[in-house]
Amino acid sequence: MPTYHERMAEQKRTAIVDAATGLFLESGYDKTSLARIADAAGVSKATLFKQFPTKAELFDAIVTDYWRTEEGALTPPPGDPGKGLTVLGNRYVALLTRPGMVALFRIVIAEAPRFPELGQTQFKLGKQPFFDAVRDYLAAEHEAGTLEVGDPILAATQFLGMISNFAFWPRMLLMNWAPTEKAMAHSVDEAVQTILARHEVTAATGAARA
């Protein structure tokens, strides 16, 4: 169980991350100072600098927090690609629909021309770890003989793209875009079925591999 001081430190960290996200969106990354973030978070500058010595480290923490999957979530084992892809697809929807995820993307898109490192951080610490997990899962299903995936990078791109094009990207432009949970689940199921239709091993492909 966390100690009192550990709980207070975590509460202050959350307040700092939330304040920074709001200010980056409102005023831009460049025009938001660490001192202003400390004031908005209700913490001292010393407290903020102790946790985040630079603005870049604070942004790294924002991206990492927003893309963190639930604790203990592991990549499904190969053997049942329909079930495994459904688990991964639902996790992706949960990530993309987190409160603040749209704001994070808007910050990066707005500031990337002047601060390209923000885009690199968003990709390296954010999407890429999840993308790599899906790619590796598809490769594992290929090795297990349940899917025929010659290019797991392309297959992962297609799978995640089908989901995000419904669950996320319309929200960047349409403020009232809010599909129901049933609609989200259906979009994941359709993406899974599309991947299975394209890559599932049949008698013909199985014979070819043999």
C-alpha atoms as a PDB file:
ATOM      1  CA  MET A   1       0.000   0.000   0.000  1.00  0.00           C
ATOM      2  CA  PRO A   2       1.410   3.425  -0.932  1.00  0.00           C
ATOM      3  CA  THR A   3       2.520   5.638   1.931  1.00  0.00           C
ATOM      4  CA  TYR A   4       0.950   9.028   2.597  1.00  0.00           C
ATOM      5  CA  HIS A   5       3.870  10.805   0.953  1.00  0.00           C
ATOM      6  CA  GLU A   6       3.692   8.534  -2.084  1.00  0.00           C
ATOM      7  CA  ARG A   7      -0.034   9.223  -2.451  1.00  0.00           C
ATOM      8  CA  MET A   8       0.532  12.967  -2.179  1.00  0.00           C
ATOM      9  CA  ALA A   9       3.329  12.836  -4.743  1.00  0.00           C
ATOM     10  CA  GLU A  10       1.071  10.929  -7.163  1.00  0.00           C
ATOM     11  CA  GLN A  11      -1.779  13.404  -6.633  1.00  0.00           C
ATOM     12  CA  LYS A  12       0.551  16.307  -7.368  1.00  0.00           C
ATOM     13  CA  ARG A  13       1.911  14.541 -10.436  1.00  0.00           C
ATOM     14  CA  THR A  14      -1.623  14.013 -11.759  1.00  0.00           C
ATOM     15  CA  ALA A  15      -2.471  17.672 -11.101  1.00  0.00           C
ATOM     16  CA  ILE A  16       0.656  18.771 -12.985  1.00  0.00           C
ATOM     17  CA  VAL A  17      -0.030  16.522 -15.978  1.00  0.00           C
ATOM     18  CA  ASP A  18      -3.683  17.638 -16.159  1.00  0.00           C
ATOM     19  CA  ALA A  19      -2.762  21.317 -15.884  1.00  0.00           C
ATOM     20  CA  ALA A  20      -0.036  21.006 -18.528  1.00  0.00           C
ATOM     21  CA  THR A  21      -2.362  19.251 -20.968  1.00  0.00           C
ATOM     22  CA  GLY A  22      -4.984  21.984 -20.607  1.00  0.00           C
ATOM     23  CA  LEU A  23      -2.487  24.812 -20.956  1.00  0.00           C
ATOM     24  CA  PHE A  24      -0.684  23.254 -23.916  1.00  0.00           C
ATOM     25  CA  LEU A  25      -4.023  23.007 -25.698  1.00  0.00           C
ATOM     26  CA  GLU A  26      -5.150  26.502 -24.695  1.00  0.00           C
ATOM     27  CA  SER A  27      -1.939  28.470 -25.238  1.00  0.00           C
ATOM     28  CA  GLY A  28       0.344  26.150 -27.175  1.00  0.00           C
ATOM     29  CA  TYR A  29       3.420  24.242 -26.086  1.00  0.00           C
ATOM     30  CA  ASP A  30       5.826  27.086 -26.791  1.00  0.00           C
ATOM     31  CA  LYS A  31       3.900  29.759 -24.858  1.00  0.00           C
ATOM     32  CA  THR A  32       3.270  27.645 -21.777  1.00  0.00           C
ATOM     33  CA  SER A  33       5.958  27.996 -19.123  1.00  0.00           C
ATOM     34  CA  LEU A  34       6.658  25.517 -16.357  1.00  0.00           C
ATOM     35  CA  ALA A  35       5.979  28.284 -13.834  1.00  0.00           C
ATOM     36  CA  ARG A  36       2.505  28.786 -15.281  1.00  0.00           C
ATOM     37  CA  ILE A  37       1.862  25.043 -15.148  1.00  0.00           C
ATOM     38  CA  ALA A  38       2.904  24.934 -11.489  1.00  0.00           C
ATOM     39  CA  ASP A  39       0.518  27.769 -10.698  1.00  0.00           C
ATOM     40  CA  ALA A  40      -2.381  26.086 -12.520  1.00  0.00           C
ATOM     41  CA  ALA A  41      -1.670  22.766 -10.804  1.00  0.00           C
ATOM     42  CA  GLY A  42      -1.537  24.390  -7.370  1.00  0.00           C
ATOM     43  CA  VAL A  43       1.988  23.203  -6.634  1.00  0.00           C
ATOM     44  CA  SER A  44       5.251  24.998  -6.036  1.00  0.00           C
ATOM     45  CA  LYS A  45       7.770  25.417  -8.818  1.00  0.00           C
ATOM     46  CA  ALA A  46      10.202  23.363  -6.752  1.00  0.00           C
ATOM     47  CA  THR A  47       7.721  20.485  -6.647  1.00  0.00           C
ATOM     48  CA  LEU A  48       7.189  20.640 -10.399  1.00  0.00           C
ATOM     49  CA  PHE A  49      10.914  20.845 -11.198  1.00  0.00           C
ATOM     50  CA  LYS A  50      11.594  17.900  -8.890  1.00  0.00           C
ATOM     51  CA  GLN A  51       9.212  15.694 -10.898  1.00  0.00           C
ATOM     52  CA  PHE A  52       9.733  17.256 -14.338  1.00  0.00           C
ATOM     53  CA  PRO A  53      12.995  19.205 -14.744  1.00  0.00           C
ATOM     54  CA  THR A  54      12.112  20.181 -18.328  1.00  0.00           C
ATOM     55  CA  LYS A  55       8.991  20.779 -20.381  1.00  0.00           C
ATOM     56  CA  ALA A  56      10.034  17.996 -22.742  1.00  0.00           C
ATOM     57  CA  GLU A  57      10.091  15.486 -19.861  1.00  0.00           C
ATOM     58  CA  LEU A  58       6.637  16.651 -18.815  1.00  0.00           C
ATOM     59  CA  PHE A  59       5.296  16.111 -22.322  1.00  0.00           C
ATOM     60  CA  ASP A  60       6.898  12.650 -22.367  1.00  0.00           C
ATOM     61  CA  ALA A  61       4.974  11.849 -19.178  1.00  0.00           C
ATOM     62  CA  ILE A  62       1.699  13.092 -20.693  1.00  0.00           C
ATOM     63  CA  VAL A  63       2.092  10.863 -23.745  1.00  0.00           C
ATOM     64  CA  THR A  64       3.130   7.842 -21.671  1.00  0.00           C
ATOM     65  CA  ASP A  65       0.164   8.267 -19.322  1.00  0.00           C
ATOM     66  CA  TYR A  66      -2.372   8.645 -22.106  1.00  0.00           C
ATOM     67  CA  TRP A  67      -1.168   5.545 -23.947  1.00  0.00           C
ATOM     68  CA  ARG A  68      -0.670   3.315 -20.906  1.00  0.00           C
ATOM     69  CA  THR A  69      -2.737   0.139 -21.127  1.00  0.00           C
ATOM     70  CA  GLU A  70      -4.412  -1.314 -18.077  1.00  0.00           C
ATOM     71  CA  GLU A  71      -1.985  -2.795 -15.600  1.00  0.00           C
ATOM     72  CA  GLY A  72      -1.253  -6.439 -16.224  1.00  0.00           C
ATOM     73  CA  ALA A  73      -2.633  -6.390 -19.780  1.00  0.00           C
ATOM     74  CA  LEU A  74      -0.597  -8.822 -21.828  1.00  0.00           C
ATOM     75  CA  THR A  75      -0.519  -9.566 -25.530  1.00  0.00           C
ATOM     76  CA  PRO A  76      -2.861 -12.534 -26.129  1.00  0.00           C
ATOM     77  CA  PRO A  77      -1.144 -15.858 -26.841  1.00  0.00           C
ATOM     78  CA  PRO A  78      -1.375 -17.152 -30.412  1.00  0.00           C
ATOM     79  CA  GLY A  79      -3.796 -19.895 -31.323  1.00  0.00           C
ATOM     80  CA  ASP A  80      -7.145 -18.118 -31.615  1.00  0.00           C
ATOM     81  CA  PRO A  81      -6.676 -15.082 -33.886  1.00  0.00           C
ATOM     82  CA  GLY A  82     -10.335 -14.056 -33.756  1.00  0.00           C
ATOM     83  CA  LYS A  83     -10.271 -13.838 -29.971  1.00  0.00           C
ATOM     84  CA  GLY A  84      -6.808 -12.297 -29.797  1.00  0.00           C
ATOM     85  CA  LEU A  85      -7.494  -9.590 -32.366  1.00  0.00           C
ATOM     86  CA  THR A  86     -10.777  -8.739 -30.641  1.00  0.00           C
ATOM     87  CA  VAL A  87      -8.931  -8.226 -27.348  1.00  0.00           C
ATOM     88  CA  LEU A  88      -6.340  -5.990 -29.015  1.00  0.00           C
ATOM     89  CA  GLY A  89      -8.975  -4.083 -30.988  1.00  0.00           C
ATOM     90  CA  ASN A  90     -11.028  -3.355 -27.867  1.00  0.00           C
ATOM     91  CA  ARG A  91      -7.908  -2.172 -26.041  1.00  0.00           C
ATOM     92  CA  TYR A  92      -7.158   0.182 -28.916  1.00  0.00           C
ATOM     93  CA  VAL A  93     -10.662   1.638 -28.761  1.00  0.00           C
ATOM     94  CA  ALA A  94     -10.271   2.112 -24.999  1.00  0.00           C
ATOM     95  CA  LEU A  95      -7.035   4.025 -25.565  1.00  0.00           C
ATOM     96  CA  LEU A  96      -8.340   6.202 -28.389  1.00  0.00           C
ATOM     97  CA  THR A  97     -11.504   7.164 -26.525  1.00  0.00           C
ATOM     98  CA  ARG A  98      -9.801   8.115 -23.279  1.00  0.00           C
ATOM     99  CA  PRO A  99     -10.700  11.608 -22.089  1.00  0.00           C
ATOM    100  CA  GLY A 100      -8.058  13.985 -23.366  1.00  0.00           C
ATOM    101  CA  MET A 101      -6.695  11.807 -26.178  1.00  0.00           C
ATOM    102  CA  VAL A 102      -8.176  14.097 -28.829  1.00  0.00           C
ATOM    103  CA  ALA A 103      -6.645  17.083 -27.030  1.00  0.00           C
ATOM    104  CA  LEU A 104      -3.251  15.385 -27.020  1.00  0.00           C
ATOM    105  CA  PHE A 105      -3.365  14.811 -30.778  1.00  0.00           C
ATOM    106  CA  ARG A 106      -4.469  18.404 -31.352  1.00  0.00           C
ATOM    107  CA  ILE A 107      -1.518  19.680 -29.351  1.00  0.00           C
ATOM    108  CA  VAL A 108       0.909  17.589 -31.380  1.00  0.00           C
ATOM    109  CA  ILE A 109      -0.633  18.490 -34.752  1.00  0.00           C
ATOM    110  CA  ALA A 110      -0.678  22.207 -33.912  1.00  0.00           C
ATOM    111  CA  GLU A 111       2.882  22.342 -32.591  1.00  0.00           C
ATOM    112  CA  ALA A 112       4.672  19.745 -34.745  1.00  0.00           C
ATOM    113  CA  PRO A 113       5.763  22.230 -37.465  1.00  0.00           C
ATOM    114  CA  ARG A 114       7.739  24.198 -34.839  1.00  0.00           C
ATOM    115  CA  PHE A 115       8.498  21.332 -32.460  1.00  0.00           C
ATOM    116  CA  PRO A 116       8.821  18.138 -34.539  1.00  0.00           C
ATOM    117  CA  GLU A 117      10.133  16.338 -31.471  1.00  0.00           C
ATOM    118  CA  LEU A 118       6.581  16.376 -30.073  1.00  0.00           C
ATOM    119  CA  GLY A 119       5.393  14.267 -32.984  1.00  0.00           C
ATOM    120  CA  GLN A 120       8.332  11.912 -32.510  1.00  0.00           C
ATOM    121  CA  THR A 121       7.521  11.600 -28.809  1.00  0.00           C
ATOM    122  CA  GLN A 122       3.849  10.944 -29.512  1.00  0.00           C
ATOM    123  CA  PHE A 123       4.777   8.167 -31.916  1.00  0.00           C
ATOM    124  CA  LYS A 124       7.708   6.635 -30.031  1.00  0.00           C
ATOM    125  CA  LEU A 125       6.199   6.641 -26.538  1.00  0.00           C
ATOM    126  CA  GLY A 126       2.546   6.557 -27.581  1.00  0.00           C
ATOM    127  CA  LYS A 127       1.329   4.649 -30.575  1.00  0.00           C
ATOM    128  CA  GLN A 128       4.442   2.679 -31.482  1.00  0.00           C
ATOM    129  CA  PRO A 129       4.533   0.381 -28.411  1.00  0.00           C
ATOM    130  CA  PHE A 130       0.912  -0.636 -29.025  1.00  0.00           C
ATOM    131  CA  PHE A 131       1.493  -0.969 -32.759  1.00  0.00           C
ATOM    132  CA  ASP A 132       4.521  -3.176 -32.094  1.00  0.00           C
ATOM    133  CA  ALA A 133       2.431  -5.410 -29.826  1.00  0.00           C
ATOM    134  CA  VAL A 134      -0.159  -5.923 -32.598  1.00  0.00           C
ATOM    135  CA  ARG A 135       2.554  -6.529 -35.198  1.00  0.00           C
ATOM    136  CA  ASP A 136       4.267  -9.088 -32.968  1.00  0.00           C
ATOM    137  CA  TYR A 137       0.958 -10.798 -32.232  1.00  0.00           C
ATOM    138  CA  LEU A 138       0.208 -11.175 -35.942  1.00  0.00           C
ATOM    139  CA  ALA A 139       3.717 -12.514 -36.527  1.00  0.00           C
ATOM    140  CA  ALA A 140       3.188 -15.022 -33.703  1.00  0.00           C
ATOM    141  CA  GLU A 141      -0.083 -16.207 -35.272  1.00  0.00           C
ATOM    142  CA  HIS A 142       1.794 -16.616 -38.554  1.00  0.00           C
ATOM    143  CA  GLU A 143       4.450 -18.716 -36.836  1.00  0.00           C
ATOM    144  CA  ALA A 144       1.716 -20.762 -35.123  1.00  0.00           C
ATOM    145  CA  GLY A 145       0.184 -21.523 -38.516  1.00  0.00           C
ATOM    146  CA  THR A 146      -3.187 -19.928 -37.749  1.00  0.00           C
ATOM    147  CA  LEU A 147      -2.737 -16.885 -39.985  1.00  0.00           C
ATOM    148  CA  GLU A 148      -0.855 -16.342 -43.223  1.00  0.00           C
ATOM    149  CA  VAL A 149       0.723 -12.930 -42.609  1.00  0.00           C
ATOM    150  CA  GLY A 150       3.642 -12.274 -44.919  1.00  0.00           C
ATOM    151  CA  ASP A 151       3.853  -8.617 -43.880  1.00  0.00           C
ATOM    152  CA  PRO A 152       2.812  -8.163 -40.228  1.00  0.00           C
ATOM    153  CA  ILE A 153       3.645  -4.441 -40.315  1.00  0.00           C
ATOM    154  CA  LEU A 154       1.173  -3.848 -43.152  1.00  0.00           C
ATOM    155  CA  ALA A 155      -1.445  -6.104 -41.545  1.00  0.00           C
ATOM    156  CA  ALA A 156      -1.140  -4.261 -38.203  1.00  0.00           C
ATOM    157  CA  THR A 157      -1.415  -0.916 -40.013  1.00  0.00           C
ATOM    158  CA  GLN A 158      -4.575  -2.038 -41.793  1.00  0.00           C
ATOM    159  CA  PHE A 159      -6.152  -3.506 -38.650  1.00  0.00           C
ATOM    160  CA  LEU A 160      -5.549  -0.482 -36.444  1.00  0.00           C
ATOM    161  CA  GLY A 161      -6.441   1.899 -39.285  1.00  0.00           C
ATOM    162  CA  MET A 162      -9.862   0.317 -39.746  1.00  0.00           C
ATOM    163  CA  ILE A 163     -10.598   0.831 -36.062  1.00  0.00           C
ATOM    164  CA  SER A 164      -9.206   4.349 -35.655  1.00  0.00           C
ATOM    165  CA  ASN A 165     -10.952   5.611 -38.795  1.00  0.00           C
ATOM    166  CA  PHE A 166     -14.250   4.991 -37.014  1.00  0.00           C
ATOM    167  CA  ALA A 167     -13.428   5.310 -33.324  1.00  0.00           C
ATOM    168  CA  PHE A 168     -11.071   8.277 -33.349  1.00  0.00           C
ATOM    169  CA  TRP A 169     -10.338  10.388 -36.412  1.00  0.00           C
ATOM    170  CA  PRO A 170     -13.884  11.743 -36.941  1.00  0.00           C
ATOM    171  CA  ARG A 171     -13.655  13.162 -33.394  1.00  0.00           C
ATOM    172  CA  MET A 172     -10.835  15.423 -34.509  1.00  0.00           C
ATOM    173  CA  LEU A 173     -13.283  17.359 -36.697  1.00  0.00           C
ATOM    174  CA  LEU A 174     -16.768  16.519 -35.442  1.00  0.00           C
ATOM    175  CA  MET A 175     -17.303  17.702 -31.880  1.00  0.00           C
ATOM    176  CA  ASN A 176     -20.447  15.602 -31.439  1.00  0.00           C
ATOM    177  CA  TRP A 177     -18.968  12.347 -32.796  1.00  0.00           C
ATOM    178  CA  ALA A 178     -19.801   9.835 -30.061  1.00  0.00           C
ATOM    179  CA  PRO A 179     -20.594   6.330 -31.335  1.00  0.00           C
ATOM    180  CA  THR A 180     -22.221   3.972 -28.858  1.00  0.00           C
ATOM    181  CA  GLU A 181     -20.276   1.167 -27.209  1.00  0.00           C
ATOM    182  CA  LYS A 182     -22.221  -1.243 -29.405  1.00  0.00           C
ATOM    183  CA  ALA A 183     -21.130   0.625 -32.522  1.00  0.00           C
ATOM    184  CA  MET A 184     -17.508   0.635 -31.346  1.00  0.00           C
ATOM    185  CA  ALA A 185     -17.628  -3.098 -30.673  1.00  0.00           C
ATOM    186  CA  HIS A 186     -19.121  -3.663 -34.108  1.00  0.00           C
ATOM    187  CA  SER A 187     -16.299  -1.695 -35.744  1.00  0.00           C
ATOM    188  CA  VAL A 188     -13.746  -3.870 -33.946  1.00  0.00           C
ATOM    189  CA  ASP A 189     -15.569  -7.040 -34.990  1.00  0.00           C
ATOM    190  CA  GLU A 190     -15.640  -5.921 -38.632  1.00  0.00           C
ATOM    191  CA  ALA A 191     -11.911  -5.152 -38.534  1.00  0.00           C
ATOM    192  CA  VAL A 192     -11.227  -8.586 -37.042  1.00  0.00           C
ATOM    193  CA  GLN A 193     -13.363 -10.325 -39.661  1.00  0.00           C
ATOM    194  CA  THR A 194     -11.614  -8.425 -42.443  1.00  0.00           C
ATOM    195  CA  ILE A 195      -8.175  -9.503 -41.206  1.00  0.00           C
ATOM    196  CA  LEU A 196      -9.341 -13.099 -40.814  1.00  0.00           C
ATOM    197  CA  ALA A 197     -10.856 -13.122 -44.296  1.00  0.00           C
ATOM    198  CA  ARG A 198      -7.579 -11.901 -45.747  1.00  0.00           C
ATOM    199  CA  HIS A 199      -5.090 -13.865 -43.640  1.00  0.00           C
ATOM    200  CA  GLU A 200      -6.726 -16.908 -42.072  1.00  0.00           C
ATOM    201  CA  VAL A 201      -5.061 -20.143 -43.084  1.00  0.00           C
ATOM    202  CA  THR A 202      -7.204 -22.295 -45.362  1.00  0.00           C
ATOM    203  CA  ALA A 203      -6.601 -25.758 -46.729  1.00  0.00           C
ATOM    204  CA  ALA A 204      -5.039 -24.200 -49.826  1.00  0.00           C
ATOM    205  CA  THR A 205      -2.722 -21.802 -47.992  1.00  0.00           C
ATOM    206  CA  GLY A 206      -1.864 -24.477 -45.457  1.00  0.00           C
ATOM    207  CA  ALA A 207      -0.809 -26.834 -48.226  1.00  0.00           C
ATOM    208  CA  ALA A 208       1.241 -24.079 -49.868  1.00  0.00           C
ATOM    209  CA  ARG A 209       3.101 -23.403 -46.605  1.00  0.00           C
ATOM    210  CA  ALA A 210       3.752 -27.090 -46.126  1.00  0.00           C
END
